[in-house]
Amino acid sequence: MARRCDFTGIGVMAGNNVSHANNRTRRRFLPNLQEASLFSDALNKSVQVRLSTSAIRTVEKRGGIDAFLLSTATDKLGTKARTLKRQIQKAVAGKAA
């Protein structure tokens, strides 16, 4: 399973541990990923996603998963988020018609 956020695309970064003697050893910075269950009003169901904690906070700030996906540009989203966005757009268009 990839260590990558489904919505923001945040992944593993690399850097150095720097000792007091200024010795440098390579290390990895892992993102803080959580399994989250978010409820979509448009789809009327709960969606399981693997998000970083910062993405969870952003989704809550923007007013839920529907508002977050509809207000974010498609090229900035991950693959799972793009499919969810298409499903939500179809559901919203179906309710409006």
PDB file of N, CA and C in Angstrom:
ATOM      1  N   MET A   1       0.841  -1.171   0.000  1.00  0.00           N
ATOM      2  CA  MET A   1       0.000   0.000   0.000  1.00  0.00           C
ATOM      3  C   MET A   1       0.892   1.241   0.000  1.00  0.00           C
ATOM      4  N   ALA A   2       0.610   2.157  -0.905  1.00  0.00           N
ATOM      5  CA  ALA A   2       1.428   3.357  -1.033  1.00  0.00           C
ATOM      6  C   ALA A   2       1.191   4.304   0.141  1.00  0.00           C
ATOM      7  N   ARG A   3       2.249   4.939   0.570  1.00  0.00           N
ATOM      8  CA  ARG A   3       2.128   5.930   1.638  1.00  0.00           C
ATOM      9  C   ARG A   3       1.860   7.284   1.000  1.00  0.00           C
ATOM     10  N   ARG A   4       0.635   7.465   0.501  1.00  0.00           N
ATOM     11  CA  ARG A   4       0.268   8.678  -0.196  1.00  0.00           C
ATOM     12  C   ARG A   4      -1.176   9.025   0.149  1.00  0.00           C
ATOM     13  N   CYS A   5      -1.422  10.304   0.381  1.00  0.00           N
ATOM     14  CA  CYS A   5      -2.762  10.789   0.705  1.00  0.00           C
ATOM     15  C   CYS A   5      -3.637  10.714  -0.542  1.00  0.00           C
ATOM     16  N   ASP A   6      -4.878  10.209  -0.407  1.00  0.00           N
ATOM     17  CA  ASP A   6      -5.775  10.064  -1.541  1.00  0.00           C
ATOM     18  C   ASP A   6      -6.227  11.406  -2.114  1.00  0.00           C
ATOM     19  N   PHE A   7      -6.286  12.443  -1.302  1.00  0.00           N
ATOM     20  CA  PHE A   7      -6.804  13.731  -1.762  1.00  0.00           C
ATOM     21  C   PHE A   7      -5.712  14.709  -2.153  1.00  0.00           C
ATOM     22  N   THR A   8      -4.717  14.883  -1.303  1.00  0.00           N
ATOM     23  CA  THR A   8      -3.708  15.916  -1.547  1.00  0.00           C
ATOM     24  C   THR A   8      -2.475  15.386  -2.256  1.00  0.00           C
ATOM     25  N   GLY A   9      -2.249  14.083  -2.246  1.00  0.00           N
ATOM     26  CA  GLY A   9      -1.084  13.509  -2.897  1.00  0.00           C
ATOM     27  C   GLY A   9       0.192  13.617  -2.090  1.00  0.00           C
ATOM     28  N   ILE A  10       0.097  14.031  -0.832  1.00  0.00           N
ATOM     29  CA  ILE A  10       1.272  14.126   0.031  1.00  0.00           C
ATOM     30  C   ILE A  10       1.851  12.739   0.231  1.00  0.00           C
ATOM     31  N   GLY A  11       3.155  12.601   0.037  1.00  0.00           N
ATOM     32  CA  GLY A  11       3.797  11.303   0.146  1.00  0.00           C
ATOM     33  C   GLY A  11       5.044  11.359   0.995  1.00  0.00           C
ATOM     34  N   VAL A  12       5.873  10.343   0.862  1.00  0.00           N
ATOM     35  CA  VAL A  12       7.099  10.223   1.638  1.00  0.00           C
ATOM     36  C   VAL A  12       8.123  11.240   1.131  1.00  0.00           C
ATOM     37  N   MET A  13       8.807  11.902   2.062  1.00  0.00           N
ATOM     38  CA  MET A  13       9.889  12.818   1.709  1.00  0.00           C
ATOM     39  C   MET A  13      11.189  12.284   2.307  1.00  0.00           C
ATOM     40  N   ALA A  14      12.305  12.693   1.751  1.00  0.00           N
ATOM     41  CA  ALA A  14      13.600  12.236   2.233  1.00  0.00           C
ATOM     42  C   ALA A  14      14.389  13.425   2.766  1.00  0.00           C
ATOM     43  N   GLY A  15      15.284  13.127   3.706  1.00  0.00           N
ATOM     44  CA  GLY A  15      16.120  14.165   4.287  1.00  0.00           C
ATOM     45  C   GLY A  15      17.262  13.549   5.054  1.00  0.00           C
ATOM     46  N   ASN A  16      17.833  14.315   5.950  1.00  0.00           N
ATOM     47  CA  ASN A  16      18.979  13.872   6.727  1.00  0.00           C
ATOM     48  C   ASN A  16      18.707  13.971   8.218  1.00  0.00           C
ATOM     49  N   ASN A  17      19.234  12.995   8.988  1.00  0.00           N
ATOM     50  CA  ASN A  17      19.405  13.170  10.421  1.00  0.00           C
ATOM     51  C   ASN A  17      20.746  13.864  10.584  1.00  0.00           C
ATOM     52  N   VAL A  18      20.777  14.935  11.343  1.00  0.00           N
ATOM     53  CA  VAL A  18      22.031  15.663  11.537  1.00  0.00           C
ATOM     54  C   VAL A  18      22.396  15.574  13.012  1.00  0.00           C
ATOM     55  N   SER A  19      23.562  14.969  13.290  1.00  0.00           N
ATOM     56  CA  SER A  19      23.996  14.795  14.670  1.00  0.00           C
ATOM     57  C   SER A  19      24.657  16.083  15.180  1.00  0.00           C
ATOM     58  N   HIS A  20      24.991  16.070  16.454  1.00  0.00           N
ATOM     59  CA  HIS A  20      25.663  17.206  17.066  1.00  0.00           C
ATOM     60  C   HIS A  20      27.026  17.441  16.408  1.00  0.00           C
ATOM     61  N   ALA A  21      27.674  16.360  15.948  1.00  0.00           N
ATOM     62  CA  ALA A  21      28.962  16.458  15.260  1.00  0.00           C
ATOM     63  C   ALA A  21      28.789  16.750  13.770  1.00  0.00           C
ATOM     64  N   ASN A  22      27.551  17.056  13.371  1.00  0.00           N
ATOM     65  CA  ASN A  22      27.202  17.408  11.991  1.00  0.00           C
ATOM     66  C   ASN A  22      27.365  16.231  11.021  1.00  0.00           C
ATOM     67  N   ASN A  23      27.283  14.981  11.542  1.00  0.00           N
ATOM     68  CA  ASN A  23      27.244  13.808  10.682  1.00  0.00           C
ATOM     69  C   ASN A  23      25.844  13.696  10.092  1.00  0.00           C
ATOM     70  N   ARG A  24      25.774  13.356   8.810  1.00  0.00           N
ATOM     71  CA  ARG A  24      24.477  13.284   8.148  1.00  0.00           C
ATOM     72  C   ARG A  24      24.190  11.858   7.705  1.00  0.00           C
ATOM     73  N   THR A  25      23.023  11.351   8.085  1.00  0.00           N
ATOM     74  CA  THR A  25      22.567  10.043   7.636  1.00  0.00           C
ATOM     75  C   THR A  25      21.184  10.219   7.032  1.00  0.00           C
ATOM     76  N   ARG A  26      20.930   9.523   5.935  1.00  0.00           N
ATOM     77  CA  ARG A  26      19.658   9.664   5.233  1.00  0.00           C
ATOM     78  C   ARG A  26      18.512   9.077   6.051  1.00  0.00           C
ATOM     79  N   ARG A  27      17.356   9.703   5.934  1.00  0.00           N
ATOM     80  CA  ARG A  27      16.157   9.211   6.597  1.00  0.00           C
ATOM     81  C   ARG A  27      14.950   9.548   5.753  1.00  0.00           C
ATOM     82  N   ARG A  28      13.801   8.966   6.126  1.00  0.00           N
ATOM     83  CA  ARG A  28      12.550   9.222   5.419  1.00  0.00           C
ATOM     84  C   ARG A  28      11.562   9.890   6.362  1.00  0.00           C
ATOM     85  N   PHE A  29      10.843  10.864   5.838  1.00  0.00           N
ATOM     86  CA  PHE A  29       9.781  11.517   6.584  1.00  0.00           C
ATOM     87  C   PHE A  29       8.457  10.955   6.068  1.00  0.00           C
ATOM     88  N   LEU A  30       7.762  10.196   6.912  1.00  0.00           N
ATOM     89  CA  LEU A  30       6.508   9.567   6.499  1.00  0.00           C
ATOM     90  C   LEU A  30       5.337  10.490   6.806  1.00  0.00           C
ATOM     91  N   PRO A  31       4.347  10.561   5.917  1.00  0.00           N
ATOM     92  CA  PRO A  31       3.174  11.400   6.188  1.00  0.00           C
ATOM     93  C   PRO A  31       2.292  10.738   7.255  1.00  0.00           C
ATOM     94  N   ASN A  32       1.562  11.558   7.979  1.00  0.00           N
ATOM     95  CA  ASN A  32       0.666  11.073   9.014  1.00  0.00           C
ATOM     96  C   ASN A  32      -0.664  10.699   8.370  1.00  0.00           C
ATOM     97  N   LEU A  33      -0.762   9.456   7.881  1.00  0.00           N
ATOM     98  CA  LEU A  33      -1.957   8.990   7.177  1.00  0.00           C
ATOM     99  C   LEU A  33      -2.908   8.279   8.129  1.00  0.00           C
ATOM    100  N   GLN A  34      -4.192   8.533   7.934  1.00  0.00           N
ATOM    101  CA  GLN A  34      -5.232   7.931   8.757  1.00  0.00           C
ATOM    102  C   GLN A  34      -6.328   7.382   7.847  1.00  0.00           C
ATOM    103  N   GLU A  35      -6.915   6.255   8.242  1.00  0.00           N
ATOM    104  CA  GLU A  35      -8.100   5.742   7.563  1.00  0.00           C
ATOM    105  C   GLU A  35      -9.287   6.560   8.058  1.00  0.00           C
ATOM    106  N   ALA A  36      -9.949   7.250   7.150  1.00  0.00           N
ATOM    107  CA  ALA A  36     -11.066   8.106   7.532  1.00  0.00           C
ATOM    108  C   ALA A  36     -12.321   7.659   6.805  1.00  0.00           C
ATOM    109  N   SER A  37     -13.439   7.745   7.491  1.00  0.00           N
ATOM    110  CA  SER A  37     -14.735   7.456   6.903  1.00  0.00           C
ATOM    111  C   SER A  37     -15.509   8.769   6.863  1.00  0.00           C
ATOM    112  N   LEU A  38     -15.705   9.309   5.666  1.00  0.00           N
ATOM    113  CA  LEU A  38     -16.374  10.595   5.495  1.00  0.00           C
ATOM    114  C   LEU A  38     -17.721  10.381   4.831  1.00  0.00           C
ATOM    115  N   PHE A  39     -18.737  11.113   5.291  1.00  0.00           N
ATOM    116  CA  PHE A  39     -20.081  10.960   4.745  1.00  0.00           C
ATOM    117  C   PHE A  39     -20.301  11.979   3.638  1.00  0.00           C
ATOM    118  N   SER A  40     -20.717  11.491   2.473  1.00  0.00           N
ATOM    119  CA  SER A  40     -21.027  12.346   1.340  1.00  0.00           C
ATOM    120  C   SER A  40     -22.534  12.551   1.284  1.00  0.00           C
ATOM    121  N   ASP A  41     -22.957  13.819   1.341  1.00  0.00           N
ATOM    122  CA  ASP A  41     -24.388  14.127   1.269  1.00  0.00           C
ATOM    123  C   ASP A  41     -24.932  13.876  -0.132  1.00  0.00           C
ATOM    124  N   ALA A  42     -24.144  14.165  -1.148  1.00  0.00           N
ATOM    125  CA  ALA A  42     -24.595  13.988  -2.527  1.00  0.00           C
ATOM    126  C   ALA A  42     -24.793  12.509  -2.851  1.00  0.00           C
ATOM    127  N   LEU A  43     -23.858  11.669  -2.405  1.00  0.00           N
ATOM    128  CA  LEU A  43     -23.954  10.232  -2.675  1.00  0.00           C
ATOM    129  C   LEU A  43     -24.805   9.507  -1.647  1.00  0.00           C
ATOM    130  N   ASN A  44     -25.057  10.153  -0.526  1.00  0.00           N
ATOM    131  CA  ASN A  44     -25.855   9.602   0.578  1.00  0.00           C
ATOM    132  C   ASN A  44     -25.248   8.308   1.107  1.00  0.00           C
ATOM    133  N   LYS A  45     -23.913   8.280   1.211  1.00  0.00           N
ATOM    134  CA  LYS A  45     -23.233   7.118   1.768  1.00  0.00           C
ATOM    135  C   LYS A  45     -21.905   7.555   2.358  1.00  0.00           C
ATOM    136  N   SER A  46     -21.331   6.666   3.154  1.00  0.00           N
ATOM    137  CA  SER A  46     -20.035   6.909   3.776  1.00  0.00           C
ATOM    138  C   SER A  46     -18.940   6.391   2.861  1.00  0.00           C
ATOM    139  N   VAL A  47     -17.839   7.147   2.766  1.00  0.00           N
ATOM    140  CA  VAL A  47     -16.739   6.806   1.876  1.00  0.00           C
ATOM    141  C   VAL A  47     -15.484   6.590   2.712  1.00  0.00           C
ATOM    142  N   GLN A  48     -14.809   5.446   2.505  1.00  0.00           N
ATOM    143  CA  GLN A  48     -13.556   5.139   3.200  1.00  0.00           C
ATOM    144  C   GLN A  48     -12.388   5.675   2.374  1.00  0.00           C
ATOM    145  N   VAL A  49     -11.558   6.522   2.979  1.00  0.00           N
ATOM    146  CA  VAL A  49     -10.395   7.079   2.300  1.00  0.00           C
ATOM    147  C   VAL A  49      -9.205   7.080   3.243  1.00  0.00           C
ATOM    148  N   ARG A  50      -8.007   7.137   2.659  1.00  0.00           N
ATOM    149  CA  ARG A  50      -6.771   7.202   3.445  1.00  0.00           C
ATOM    150  C   ARG A  50      -6.202   8.599   3.263  1.00  0.00           C
ATOM    151  N   LEU A  51      -6.337   9.427   4.303  1.00  0.00           N
ATOM    152  CA  LEU A  51      -5.987  10.838   4.212  1.00  0.00           C
ATOM    153  C   LEU A  51      -4.926  11.213   5.222  1.00  0.00           C
ATOM    154  N   SER A  52      -4.179  12.257   4.885  1.00  0.00           N
ATOM    155  CA  SER A  52      -3.272  12.852   5.861  1.00  0.00           C
ATOM    156  C   SER A  52      -4.116  13.676   6.829  1.00  0.00           C
ATOM    157  N   THR A  53      -3.589  13.904   8.015  1.00  0.00           N
ATOM    158  CA  THR A  53      -4.345  14.649   9.017  1.00  0.00           C
ATOM    159  C   THR A  53      -4.601  16.081   8.561  1.00  0.00           C
ATOM    160  N   SER A  54      -3.670  16.662   7.808  1.00  0.00           N
ATOM    161  CA  SER A  54      -3.895  18.016   7.306  1.00  0.00           C
ATOM    162  C   SER A  54      -5.032  18.036   6.291  1.00  0.00           C
ATOM    163  N   ALA A  55      -5.165  16.985   5.488  1.00  0.00           N
ATOM    164  CA  ALA A  55      -6.261  16.899   4.521  1.00  0.00           C
ATOM    165  C   ALA A  55      -7.603  16.743   5.242  1.00  0.00           C
ATOM    166  N   ILE A  56      -7.632  15.978   6.326  1.00  0.00           N
ATOM    167  CA  ILE A  56      -8.866  15.821   7.104  1.00  0.00           C
ATOM    168  C   ILE A  56      -9.304  17.165   7.658  1.00  0.00           C
ATOM    169  N   ARG A  57      -8.350  17.941   8.172  1.00  0.00           N
ATOM    170  CA  ARG A  57      -8.671  19.268   8.710  1.00  0.00           C
ATOM    171  C   ARG A  57      -9.179  20.195   7.608  1.00  0.00           C
ATOM    172  N   THR A  58      -8.596  20.110   6.423  1.00  0.00           N
ATOM    173  CA  THR A  58      -9.019  20.961   5.314  1.00  0.00           C
ATOM    174  C   THR A  58     -10.418  20.587   4.847  1.00  0.00           C
ATOM    175  N   VAL A  59     -10.719  19.287   4.791  1.00  0.00           N
ATOM    176  CA  VAL A  59     -12.053  18.835   4.399  1.00  0.00           C
ATOM    177  C   VAL A  59     -13.093  19.366   5.392  1.00  0.00           C
ATOM    178  N   GLU A  60     -12.813  19.279   6.670  1.00  0.00           N
ATOM    179  CA  GLU A  60     -13.743  19.774   7.676  1.00  0.00           C
ATOM    180  C   GLU A  60     -13.906  21.294   7.597  1.00  0.00           C
ATOM    181  N   LYS A  61     -12.819  21.993   7.309  1.00  0.00           N
ATOM    182  CA  LYS A  61     -12.870  23.459   7.223  1.00  0.00           C
ATOM    183  C   LYS A  61     -13.706  23.914   6.036  1.00  0.00           C
ATOM    184  N   ARG A  62     -13.612  23.187   4.925  1.00  0.00           N
ATOM    185  CA  ARG A  62     -14.336  23.581   3.712  1.00  0.00           C
ATOM    186  C   ARG A  62     -15.793  23.141   3.717  1.00  0.00           C
ATOM    187  N   GLY A  63     -16.217  22.402   4.738  1.00  0.00           N
ATOM    188  CA  GLY A  63     -17.627  22.052   4.860  1.00  0.00           C
ATOM    189  C   GLY A  63     -17.990  20.665   4.403  1.00  0.00           C
ATOM    190  N   GLY A  64     -17.064  19.731   4.444  1.00  0.00           N
ATOM    191  CA  GLY A  64     -17.362  18.349   4.107  1.00  0.00           C
ATOM    192  C   GLY A  64     -16.696  17.906   2.822  1.00  0.00           C
ATOM    193  N   ILE A  65     -16.829  16.605   2.563  1.00  0.00           N
ATOM    194  CA  ILE A  65     -16.136  15.999   1.417  1.00  0.00           C
ATOM    195  C   ILE A  65     -16.684  16.531   0.099  1.00  0.00           C
ATOM    196  N   ASP A  66     -17.980  16.774   0.008  1.00  0.00           N
ATOM    197  CA  ASP A  66     -18.569  17.261  -1.241  1.00  0.00           C
ATOM    198  C   ASP A  66     -18.045  18.649  -1.589  1.00  0.00           C
ATOM    199  N   ALA A  67     -18.086  19.557  -0.637  1.00  0.00           N
ATOM    200  CA  ALA A  67     -17.619  20.931  -0.875  1.00  0.00           C
ATOM    201  C   ALA A  67     -16.127  20.957  -1.176  1.00  0.00           C
ATOM    202  N   PHE A  68     -15.360  20.119  -0.480  1.00  0.00           N
ATOM    203  CA  PHE A  68     -13.909  20.084  -0.713  1.00  0.00           C
ATOM    204  C   PHE A  68     -13.591  19.637  -2.135  1.00  0.00           C
ATOM    205  N   LEU A  69     -14.199  18.536  -2.576  1.00  0.00           N
ATOM    206  CA  LEU A  69     -13.888  18.005  -3.903  1.00  0.00           C
ATOM    207  C   LEU A  69     -14.397  18.912  -5.016  1.00  0.00           C
ATOM    208  N   LEU A  70     -15.566  19.513  -4.846  1.00  0.00           N
ATOM    209  CA  LEU A  70     -16.108  20.374  -5.894  1.00  0.00           C
ATOM    210  C   LEU A  70     -15.340  21.685  -6.011  1.00  0.00           C
ATOM    211  N   SER A  71     -14.736  22.156  -4.914  1.00  0.00           N
ATOM    212  CA  SER A  71     -14.029  23.435  -4.955  1.00  0.00           C
ATOM    213  C   SER A  71     -12.548  23.289  -5.302  1.00  0.00           C
ATOM    214  N   THR A  72     -12.026  22.059  -5.323  1.00  0.00           N
ATOM    215  CA  THR A  72     -10.613  21.829  -5.620  1.00  0.00           C
ATOM    216  C   THR A  72     -10.444  21.486  -7.091  1.00  0.00           C
ATOM    217  N   ALA A  73      -9.396  22.020  -7.705  1.00  0.00           N
ATOM    218  CA  ALA A  73      -9.106  21.725  -9.110  1.00  0.00           C
ATOM    219  C   ALA A  73      -8.794  20.242  -9.278  1.00  0.00           C
ATOM    220  N   THR A  74      -9.258  19.665 -10.379  1.00  0.00           N
ATOM    221  CA  THR A  74      -9.112  18.230 -10.610  1.00  0.00           C
ATOM    222  C   THR A  74      -7.653  17.810 -10.721  1.00  0.00           C
ATOM    223  N   ASP A  75      -6.800  18.657 -11.301  1.00  0.00           N
ATOM    224  CA  ASP A  75      -5.399  18.271 -11.472  1.00  0.00           C
ATOM    225  C   ASP A  75      -4.626  18.247 -10.165  1.00  0.00           C
ATOM    226  N   LYS A  76      -5.189  18.799  -9.086  1.00  0.00           N
ATOM    227  CA  LYS A  76      -4.530  18.769  -7.781  1.00  0.00           C
ATOM    228  C   LYS A  76      -4.961  17.579  -6.933  1.00  0.00           C
ATOM    229  N   LEU A  77      -5.886  16.766  -7.439  1.00  0.00           N
ATOM    230  CA  LEU A  77      -6.426  15.639  -6.682  1.00  0.00           C
ATOM    231  C   LEU A  77      -5.765  14.333  -7.103  1.00  0.00           C
ATOM    232  N   GLY A  78      -5.808  13.350  -6.191  1.00  0.00           N
ATOM    233  CA  GLY A  78      -5.326  12.012  -6.494  1.00  0.00           C
ATOM    234  C   GLY A  78      -6.347  11.239  -7.304  1.00  0.00           C
ATOM    235  N   THR A  79      -6.013  10.006  -7.672  1.00  0.00           N
ATOM    236  CA  THR A  79      -6.891   9.221  -8.544  1.00  0.00           C
ATOM    237  C   THR A  79      -8.211   8.859  -7.869  1.00  0.00           C
ATOM    238  N   LYS A  80      -8.151   8.457  -6.605  1.00  0.00           N
ATOM    239  CA  LYS A  80      -9.382   8.097  -5.897  1.00  0.00           C
ATOM    240  C   LYS A  80     -10.278   9.317  -5.703  1.00  0.00           C
ATOM    241  N   ALA A  81      -9.660  10.459  -5.440  1.00  0.00           N
ATOM    242  CA  ALA A  81     -10.425  11.687  -5.259  1.00  0.00           C
ATOM    243  C   ALA A  81     -11.079  12.123  -6.566  1.00  0.00           C
ATOM    244  N   ARG A  82     -10.406  11.892  -7.690  1.00  0.00           N
ATOM    245  CA  ARG A  82     -10.987  12.259  -8.987  1.00  0.00           C
ATOM    246  C   ARG A  82     -12.226  11.437  -9.286  1.00  0.00           C
ATOM    247  N   THR A  83     -12.179  10.141  -8.996  1.00  0.00           N
ATOM    248  CA  THR A  83     -13.355   9.303  -9.244  1.00  0.00           C
ATOM    249  C   THR A  83     -14.511   9.706  -8.326  1.00  0.00           C
ATOM    250  N   LEU A  84     -14.200  10.030  -7.070  1.00  0.00           N
ATOM    251  CA  LEU A  84     -15.242  10.489  -6.148  1.00  0.00           C
ATOM    252  C   LEU A  84     -15.841  11.810  -6.625  1.00  0.00           C
ATOM    253  N   LYS A  85     -14.989  12.697  -7.117  1.00  0.00           N
ATOM    254  CA  LYS A  85     -15.471  13.996  -7.598  1.00  0.00           C
ATOM    255  C   LYS A  85     -16.428  13.812  -8.771  1.00  0.00           C
ATOM    256  N   ARG A  86     -16.097  12.902  -9.707  1.00  0.00           N
ATOM    257  CA  ARG A  86     -16.992  12.638 -10.839  1.00  0.00           C
ATOM    258  C   ARG A  86     -18.334  12.088 -10.367  1.00  0.00           C
ATOM    259  N   GLN A  87     -18.296  11.164  -9.398  1.00  0.00           N
ATOM    260  CA  GLN A  87     -19.540  10.592  -8.869  1.00  0.00           C
ATOM    261  C   GLN A  87     -20.391  11.664  -8.198  1.00  0.00           C
ATOM    262  N   ILE A  88     -19.747  12.547  -7.443  1.00  0.00           N
ATOM    263  CA  ILE A  88     -20.479  13.622  -6.749  1.00  0.00           C
ATOM    264  C   ILE A  88     -21.057  14.599  -7.758  1.00  0.00           C
ATOM    265  N   GLN A  89     -20.300  14.948  -8.805  1.00  0.00           N
ATOM    266  CA  GLN A  89     -20.807  15.860  -9.834  1.00  0.00           C
ATOM    267  C   GLN A  89     -22.026  15.275 -10.541  1.00  0.00           C
ATOM    268  N   LYS A  90     -22.000  13.960 -10.844  1.00  0.00           N
ATOM    269  CA  LYS A  90     -23.136  13.307 -11.469  1.00  0.00           C
ATOM    270  C   LYS A  90     -24.346  13.304 -10.540  1.00  0.00           C
ATOM    271  N   ALA A  91     -24.116  13.053  -9.254  1.00  0.00           N
ATOM    272  CA  ALA A  91     -25.218  13.021  -8.295  1.00  0.00           C
ATOM    273  C   ALA A  91     -25.848  14.402  -8.124  1.00  0.00           C
ATOM    274  N   VAL A  92     -25.002  15.435  -8.076  1.00  0.00           N
ATOM    275  CA  VAL A  92     -25.506  16.805  -7.916  1.00  0.00           C
ATOM    276  C   VAL A  92     -26.270  17.231  -9.161  1.00  0.00           C
ATOM    277  N   ALA A  93     -25.760  16.866 -10.355  1.00  0.00           N
ATOM    278  CA  ALA A  93     -26.443  17.206 -11.601  1.00  0.00           C
ATOM    279  C   ALA A  93     -27.779  16.463 -11.706  1.00  0.00           C
ATOM    280  N   GLY A  94     -27.819  15.220 -11.216  1.00  0.00           N
ATOM    281  CA  GLY A  94     -29.049  14.444 -11.245  1.00  0.00           C
ATOM    282  C   GLY A  94     -30.120  15.001 -10.321  1.00  0.00           C
ATOM    283  N   LYS A  95     -29.714  15.522  -9.178  1.00  0.00           N
ATOM    284  CA  LYS A  95     -30.676  16.112  -8.235  1.00  0.00           C
ATOM    285  C   LYS A  95     -31.180  17.458  -8.731  1.00  0.00           C
ATOM    286  N   ALA A  96     -30.331  18.191  -9.461  1.00  0.00           N
ATOM    287  CA  ALA A  96     -30.722  19.511  -9.959  1.00  0.00           C
ATOM    288  C   ALA A  96     -31.689  19.390 -11.134  1.00  0.00           C
ATOM    289  N   ALA A  97     -31.603  18.293 -11.876  1.00  0.00           N
ATOM    290  CA  ALA A  97     -32.466  18.141 -13.068  1.00  0.00           C
ATOM    291  C   ALA A  97     -33.859  17.694 -12.727  1.00  0.00           C
TER     292      ALA A  97
END
